[in-house]
Each structure stands twice: as structure tokens, then as C-alpha cells.
Protein backbone atom coordinates (compact mmCIF):
# COMPACT_ATOMS: atom_id res chain seq x y z
CA MET A 1 0.00 -0.02 0.02
CA ARG A 2 1.02 4.13 -0.53
CA ASP A 3 -0.22 6.48 1.55
CA THR A 4 0.95 9.33 0.05
CA GLU A 5 1.30 8.55 -3.30
CA VAL A 6 -0.42 7.27 -6.40
CA GLY A 7 0.72 4.43 -7.64
CA ALA A 8 0.55 4.70 -11.89
CA ILE A 9 -0.79 2.32 -14.13
CA ASP A 10 1.85 1.09 -16.57
CA GLU A 11 1.48 2.76 -20.02
CA PRO A 12 -1.07 0.92 -22.19
CA ASP A 13 -0.10 -2.16 -24.32
CA ARG A 14 0.31 -2.68 -28.14
CA SER A 15 -0.19 -4.42 -30.54
CA ALA A 16 1.54 -6.12 -33.14
CA THR A 17 0.68 -3.11 -35.28
CA GLY A 18 1.03 -0.70 -33.11
CA ALA A 19 -2.47 -0.05 -31.84
CA VAL A 20 -3.28 0.23 -28.11
CA THR A 21 -5.86 -2.08 -27.36
CA ASN A 22 -6.85 -0.87 -23.62
CA VAL A 23 -9.63 1.15 -22.82
CA ASP A 24 -9.20 4.61 -21.09
CA SER A 25 -12.96 6.68 -20.58
CA GLY A 26 -10.43 9.97 -20.36
CA GLY A 27 -9.89 12.21 -17.14
CA ARG A 28 -6.59 10.06 -15.97
CA ALA A 29 -5.12 13.18 -15.98
CA ALA A 30 -7.94 14.73 -12.59
CA ALA A 31 -8.45 11.15 -11.14
CA GLU A 32 -5.05 9.99 -11.28
CA PRO A 33 -2.77 12.16 -9.54
CA ASN A 34 -5.65 13.42 -6.72
CA THR A 35 -6.92 9.75 -5.98
CA ILE A 36 -7.10 9.63 -2.24
CA LEU A 37 -8.50 6.02 -1.42
CA ARG A 38 -7.59 2.95 -4.17
CA ALA A 39 -8.83 -0.72 -2.99
CA THR A 40 -9.23 -4.26 -5.13
CA VAL A 41 -12.89 -4.89 -5.04
CA GLY A 42 -14.72 -8.00 -6.10
CA SER A 43 -14.13 -11.64 -5.91
CA LYS A 44 -10.64 -10.98 -4.44
CA LEU A 45 -11.79 -8.77 -2.13
CA HIS A 46 -13.70 -11.21 -0.86
CA GLY A 47 -11.90 -14.03 -0.51
CA LEU A 48 -14.06 -15.53 -3.87
CA ASN A 49 -11.37 -15.34 -6.76
CA LEU A 50 -10.50 -18.43 -8.86
CA GLU A 51 -6.84 -17.62 -9.44
CA THR A 52 -6.72 -18.94 -12.86
CA THR A 53 -9.60 -16.91 -14.04
CA ASP A 54 -10.51 -13.87 -12.72
CA ASP A 55 -9.35 -10.91 -13.54
CA THR A 56 -8.59 -7.89 -10.71
CA ASP A 57 -11.47 -4.86 -10.19
CA GLU A 58 -9.76 -2.07 -8.31
CA MET A 59 -11.72 1.60 -7.13
CA GLY A 60 -10.81 4.28 -6.05
CA VAL A 61 -11.95 7.73 -5.07
CA CYS A 62 -10.80 11.14 -6.49
CA VAL A 63 -11.00 14.84 -4.73
CA GLU A 64 -10.63 16.25 -8.66
CA PRO A 65 -9.76 19.75 -8.94
CA PRO A 66 -11.17 23.07 -8.98
CA GLU A 67 -11.61 23.40 -12.48
CA TYR A 68 -13.84 20.38 -12.88
CA VAL A 69 -15.68 21.25 -9.66
CA ILE A 70 -16.24 25.23 -10.11
CA GLY A 71 -15.32 25.61 -13.46
CA LEU A 72 -15.64 24.55 -16.83
CA HIS A 73 -14.54 20.83 -17.24
CA GLN A 74 -16.49 17.94 -16.01
CA PHE A 75 -14.93 14.43 -13.95
CA GLU A 76 -17.52 12.12 -12.21
CA GLN A 77 -15.30 8.85 -13.18
CA TRP A 78 -12.60 7.30 -15.15
CA VAL A 79 -12.84 3.41 -16.40
CA TYR A 80 -9.46 1.81 -17.03
CA ARG A 81 -9.79 -1.45 -18.85
CA THR A 82 -6.49 -3.93 -19.67
CA GLN A 83 -8.93 -5.60 -22.89
CA PRO A 84 -10.98 -4.01 -25.05
CA GLU A 85 -14.67 -3.57 -25.09
CA GLY A 86 -16.16 -6.68 -26.64
CA HIS A 87 -13.71 -8.29 -24.78
CA PRO A 88 -13.58 -10.95 -21.14
CA SER A 89 -11.12 -9.72 -18.94
CA GLY A 90 -8.69 -13.05 -17.70
CA PRO A 91 -6.42 -13.24 -15.05
CA LYS A 92 -3.94 -10.84 -15.38
CA ASP A 93 -6.33 -8.03 -16.83
CA LEU A 94 -7.13 -4.53 -15.03
CA ASP A 95 -10.35 -3.26 -14.93
CA LEU A 96 -10.14 -0.14 -12.78
CA THR A 97 -13.08 3.16 -11.76
CA ILE A 98 -12.16 5.90 -10.39
CA TYR A 99 -14.40 8.33 -8.92
CA SER A 100 -14.69 12.13 -7.94
CA LEU A 101 -15.44 12.02 -4.39
CA ARG A 102 -18.71 13.91 -5.07
CA LYS A 103 -20.09 10.60 -7.38
CA TRP A 104 -18.65 8.35 -4.44
CA VAL A 105 -20.40 9.99 -1.97
CA ARG A 106 -24.01 10.44 -3.86
CA LEU A 107 -23.75 5.93 -4.64
CA ALA A 108 -22.42 5.31 -1.21
CA LEU A 109 -25.43 7.47 0.86
CA ALA A 110 -27.17 5.85 -1.63
CA GLY A 111 -26.40 2.07 -0.38
CA ASN A 112 -24.60 0.81 -3.23
CA PRO A 113 -22.91 -2.23 -2.34
CA THR A 114 -20.08 -2.53 -3.79
CA VAL A 115 -19.05 1.58 -3.42
CA LEU A 116 -19.44 0.73 -0.24
CA LEU A 117 -17.41 -2.07 -0.21
CA LEU A 118 -13.79 0.54 -0.17
CA LEU A 119 -14.81 1.70 3.32
CA PHE A 120 -13.92 -1.50 4.50
CA ALA A 121 -10.92 -2.66 2.11
CA PRO A 122 -8.13 -3.30 4.56
CA ALA A 123 -5.04 -2.28 4.07
CA SER A 124 -3.04 -5.12 2.64
CA GLU A 125 -5.40 -4.38 -0.23
CA CYS A 126 -5.43 -0.82 -0.13
CA ARG A 127 -3.39 0.45 -3.21
CA VAL A 128 -3.94 4.04 -2.26
CA ARG A 129 -4.89 5.29 1.10
CA THR A 130 -3.60 8.80 1.46
CA PRO A 131 -4.85 10.24 5.26
CA ARG A 132 -8.00 11.30 3.60
CA GLY A 133 -8.09 8.39 2.13
CA ALA A 134 -7.87 6.88 5.93
CA GLU A 135 -10.36 9.71 7.28
CA LEU A 136 -12.92 8.43 4.76
CA GLN A 137 -12.54 4.83 5.76
CA GLN A 138 -12.68 5.85 9.38
CA MET A 139 -16.10 7.63 8.37
CA ALA A 140 -18.14 4.40 7.15
CA PRO A 141 -20.33 4.35 10.63
CA SER A 142 -21.73 7.83 9.34
CA PHE A 143 -22.39 5.93 5.53
CA ILE A 144 -24.15 2.70 7.43
CA SER A 145 -27.86 3.41 7.94
CA ARG A 146 -30.93 1.12 8.26
CA ALA A 147 -31.63 2.46 4.69
CA VAL A 148 -29.08 0.31 2.97
CA ALA A 149 -31.21 -2.82 3.07
CA ALA A 150 -33.16 -1.98 0.27
CA PRO A 151 -30.45 -2.04 -2.04
CA TYR A 152 -28.87 -4.87 -0.79
CA LEU A 153 -32.16 -6.10 -1.60
CA GLY A 154 -32.52 -5.35 -4.63
CA TYR A 155 -29.25 -6.47 -5.98
CA PHE A 156 -29.72 -9.40 -4.09
CA ASN A 157 -32.62 -9.86 -6.64
CA ALA A 158 -31.54 -8.54 -9.26
CA GLN A 159 -28.68 -11.94 -9.58
CA ARG A 160 -31.43 -13.93 -8.59
CA GLN A 161 -33.50 -12.84 -11.37
CA ARG A 162 -30.33 -13.52 -13.80
CA LEU A 163 -29.42 -16.46 -11.99
CA THR A 164 -33.01 -18.16 -12.61
CA GLY A 165 -33.73 -16.38 -16.64
CA GLU A 166 -35.92 -13.58 -15.35
CA ARG A 167 -33.64 -11.15 -16.40
CA GLY A 168 -30.97 -11.21 -19.31
CA GLY A 169 -26.76 -12.27 -17.78
CA ARG A 170 -24.36 -10.42 -19.52
CA ALA A 171 -23.40 -11.42 -22.87
CA LEU A 172 -19.32 -11.75 -22.25
CA ARG A 173 -20.44 -14.65 -20.43
CA LYS A 174 -22.42 -16.57 -22.63
CA GLY A 175 -20.16 -19.53 -23.36
CA LEU A 176 -17.67 -19.58 -20.28
CA ALA A 177 -17.48 -22.85 -19.24
CA LEU A 178 -16.66 -21.96 -16.20
CA GLU A 179 -19.34 -20.59 -15.29
CA LYS A 180 -22.02 -23.15 -16.34
CA PRO A 181 -20.50 -26.21 -14.48
CA VAL A 182 -22.22 -29.17 -14.36
CA ALA A 183 -24.43 -27.93 -11.80
CA GLY A 184 -26.22 -26.40 -14.39
CA TYR A 185 -26.67 -23.16 -13.60
CA ASP A 186 -24.40 -19.74 -13.88
CA THR A 187 -22.37 -20.51 -10.21
CA LYS A 188 -20.69 -16.99 -10.61
CA TYR A 189 -24.41 -15.03 -10.32
CA ALA A 190 -25.38 -17.87 -7.06
CA MET A 191 -22.24 -17.07 -5.75
CA HIS A 192 -22.42 -12.68 -5.78
CA MET A 193 -26.51 -13.25 -4.84
CA VAL A 194 -25.00 -15.19 -1.31
CA ARG A 195 -22.33 -13.18 -0.65
CA LEU A 196 -25.10 -10.26 -1.34
CA GLY A 197 -27.11 -12.04 1.09
CA TYR A 198 -24.15 -12.60 4.04
CA GLN A 199 -22.76 -8.94 3.91
CA GLY A 200 -26.06 -7.47 3.74
CA ILE A 201 -26.91 -9.33 7.31
CA GLU A 202 -23.71 -8.82 7.83
CA LEU A 203 -23.31 -4.87 7.36
CA LEU A 204 -27.02 -4.03 9.40
CA GLU A 205 -25.92 -6.19 12.55
CA THR A 206 -23.04 -4.78 13.20
CA GLY A 207 -22.68 -1.23 10.36
CA ARG A 208 -19.39 -3.76 9.20
CA ILE A 209 -18.21 -5.78 6.56
CA THR A 210 -15.95 -8.81 7.31
CA LEU A 211 -12.90 -8.59 4.60
CA PRO A 212 -13.10 -11.38 3.50
CA MET A 213 -15.56 -12.77 4.27
CA PRO A 214 -15.55 -14.86 7.22
CA PRO A 215 -14.76 -18.87 6.99
CA ALA A 216 -17.59 -20.09 7.37
CA GLN A 217 -19.55 -18.21 5.14
CA ARG A 218 -16.45 -17.52 2.26
CA GLU A 219 -16.21 -21.60 2.54
CA PHE A 220 -19.95 -22.10 1.54
CA THR A 221 -20.39 -19.32 -1.60
CA MET A 222 -17.51 -20.93 -2.62
CA ALA A 223 -18.57 -24.23 -2.90
CA ILE A 224 -22.31 -22.61 -4.61
CA ARG A 225 -19.21 -21.63 -7.30
CA ARG A 226 -17.67 -24.40 -7.52
CA GLY A 227 -20.88 -26.56 -8.50
CA GLU A 228 -20.51 -28.44 -5.89
CA LEU A 229 -24.55 -27.60 -4.24
CA ASN A 230 -27.54 -28.17 -6.59
CA LEU A 231 -29.66 -25.19 -7.43
CA ASP A 232 -32.07 -25.90 -4.64
CA GLU A 233 -29.91 -25.74 -2.22
CA VAL A 234 -28.12 -22.91 -3.17
CA LEU A 235 -32.47 -20.92 -3.87
CA ALA A 236 -33.17 -22.23 -0.53
CA ARG A 237 -30.73 -20.44 1.46
CA ALA A 238 -30.24 -17.55 -0.23
CA GLY A 239 -34.37 -17.41 0.90
CA GLU A 240 -33.55 -17.52 4.49
CA LEU A 241 -30.80 -15.01 3.75
CA GLU A 242 -33.78 -12.56 2.24
CA GLN A 243 -35.70 -13.07 4.92
CA ARG A 244 -33.57 -12.34 7.72
CA ILE A 245 -32.39 -9.10 5.76
CA SER A 246 -35.87 -7.71 6.10
CA ALA A 247 -36.29 -8.18 9.29
CA LEU A 248 -33.63 -6.40 10.08
CA LYS A 249 -35.05 -3.37 7.47
CA ASP A 250 -37.12 -2.53 10.91
CA SER A 251 -35.53 -4.36 13.48
CA SER A 252 -31.50 -3.59 13.31
CA SER A 253 -30.16 -0.70 15.84
CA LEU A 254 -28.61 1.01 13.27
CA PRO A 255 -30.10 4.50 13.15
CA GLU A 256 -32.74 5.12 10.24
CA ARG A 257 -30.68 7.52 7.67
CA PRO A 258 -26.68 8.85 7.35
CA GLU A 259 -25.32 11.43 8.38
CA THR A 260 -25.58 13.97 5.39
CA GLU A 261 -24.52 16.70 7.30
CA LEU A 262 -21.43 15.36 8.53
CA ILE A 263 -20.09 14.12 5.66
CA GLN A 264 -21.09 17.59 3.72
CA ASP A 265 -18.80 19.52 6.49
CA TRP A 266 -15.86 16.20 6.21
CA MET A 267 -16.14 16.99 2.01
CA VAL A 268 -15.75 20.37 1.80
CA ARG A 269 -13.38 20.52 4.37
CA THR A 270 -11.38 18.09 1.80
CA TYR A 271 -11.84 19.40 -0.92
CA LEU A 272 -10.80 23.18 -0.03
CA GLY A 273 -7.75 21.52 1.96
CA ARG A 274 -6.61 19.53 -1.10
CA TRP A 275 -6.78 22.81 -3.77
CA ALA A 276 -5.25 24.74 -1.03
CA ASP A 277 -2.11 22.72 -0.12
CA GLY A 278 -2.21 19.34 -2.14
CA THR A 279 -3.31 17.40 0.77
């Protein structure tokens, strides 16, 4: 982990003809030098990855320069992918998204399960964590409330609908045998459905998410990914997890809503401090 300095991404790979094959959405100059927190997300962060098949997903937050906030330039996120569009990522590939602080906070306050993971990423999974990034992680309790139950249930049910065929899956996944083994169902959708259930319950019960997942939960979830459970067993566990999250929506001891005023005050201090002296 780098506490004060961003680790720059290597220059794009080039094909035999010299053409750039990476995907860069634009905005790197605003994002990379101003990143305050960047960490692994996705299956590797949860401890659910298959080393021979999974890529590396990373997410970051940057304090964009003033011309992107009070000037005419616009910036919300920078996306960088090793592989070009239309090509699935492999075990040596990187998928990176760095959000502006303002957009990341909006998503976090809306309870986005993927975005909230950055608050709980351990130091070992942080590629960048400046003092401001550490402050952001320390503010996790201000973001977490009973309101996260609804988005967690929404993401949970979206995965279940993809698993059961009620909602279409991603085209890049078609024909990937490793995600559709002899179990007869897409084990990656099933894995993430159950993972969201476990983590939603933990978040509503404790205000935190353990990363990687606790051993017993991780082993059960990995058994799903390996295709060792039949679909009825998976859906039965999913039903139990859904019921528990639904119950915690009203019974959790967490506050009803996030502490938005406290978060806003910190954001203003962070932007002004960054613009004034680069910290």
C-alpha cells in the first residue's frame, strides 16, 4: 500500500501493429494524481476468486481539481480496462474505476453495495490510501444506516433473477464453461447472490463488512461457485438470507438514515484542503 503517493498504471499494451488495445475512458489527468483511496474490489476482496480465471477489479476515489467542480470541465469517473470493449478480462487483466469524491459519496449514500466495499477494504488491499483516504474509511459509520437494506435486497434479487433466467445475463459470460459447470446453473451469479445476502446481514447487524468474508461463509459461497451444491439448495439458502435482511430493515439498531451533514462538512474541508495545499 502507498500511503501518500498514487501508483501509476503502466502504459497501455500495444498490438503487433502498434495500436493501443487498452480502454481508457478519459479523465486520467484529473483522477490518477488526485486519488486519495484505491483498493481491490470484486471477488478477490471477498476471498472468492479463482486465481486461474479472475481478473483484478479496483475502485478508487479522487478529489478532482477545482476546474472540474466550479469550472467548465466535467469529471465523474475514469475507467481503465486492460482489455478492449467486447473482450472478457482474464487473470492478468485490470478493471479500474476511479470516481470523483462527489459521485462516490452520492453512490455510497444511496447504499450501493459495491461502492460501500471501499469503506471496509483492509490495508493489505489498498493500493493507495492517503491521510484523506484513511479519514474516509474512518467515516464508515456515518454512511451506514438501516436504509442500506433496500439497495442490498435490490442487488440480491437482481442476481437471483439473472440466475433463474428472469433477467438477461451479460453477453460476455455466454459460453464460459467455468461459470456454468455441471451444476447446471451460472455459479457466479449464485455466488454473488449469496455473498450479498451474507454481507447485507452483517452490515445491518454490525455496521461493518468483514473482508475477506469470514471462513464459514466464504467456504459455503465458494462451494456454490465450484458447483458443489444443487440449485434448490442455493435458492433455499438465498430465501433464508432474504428473510433476515427484510427483518433487519426495521429491527436493526443502526440509525434510520446516514449522517449527511457530517459527511458534507468533511467533503467541503477535503476539497478546500486539497486545493489549497495538495493534502
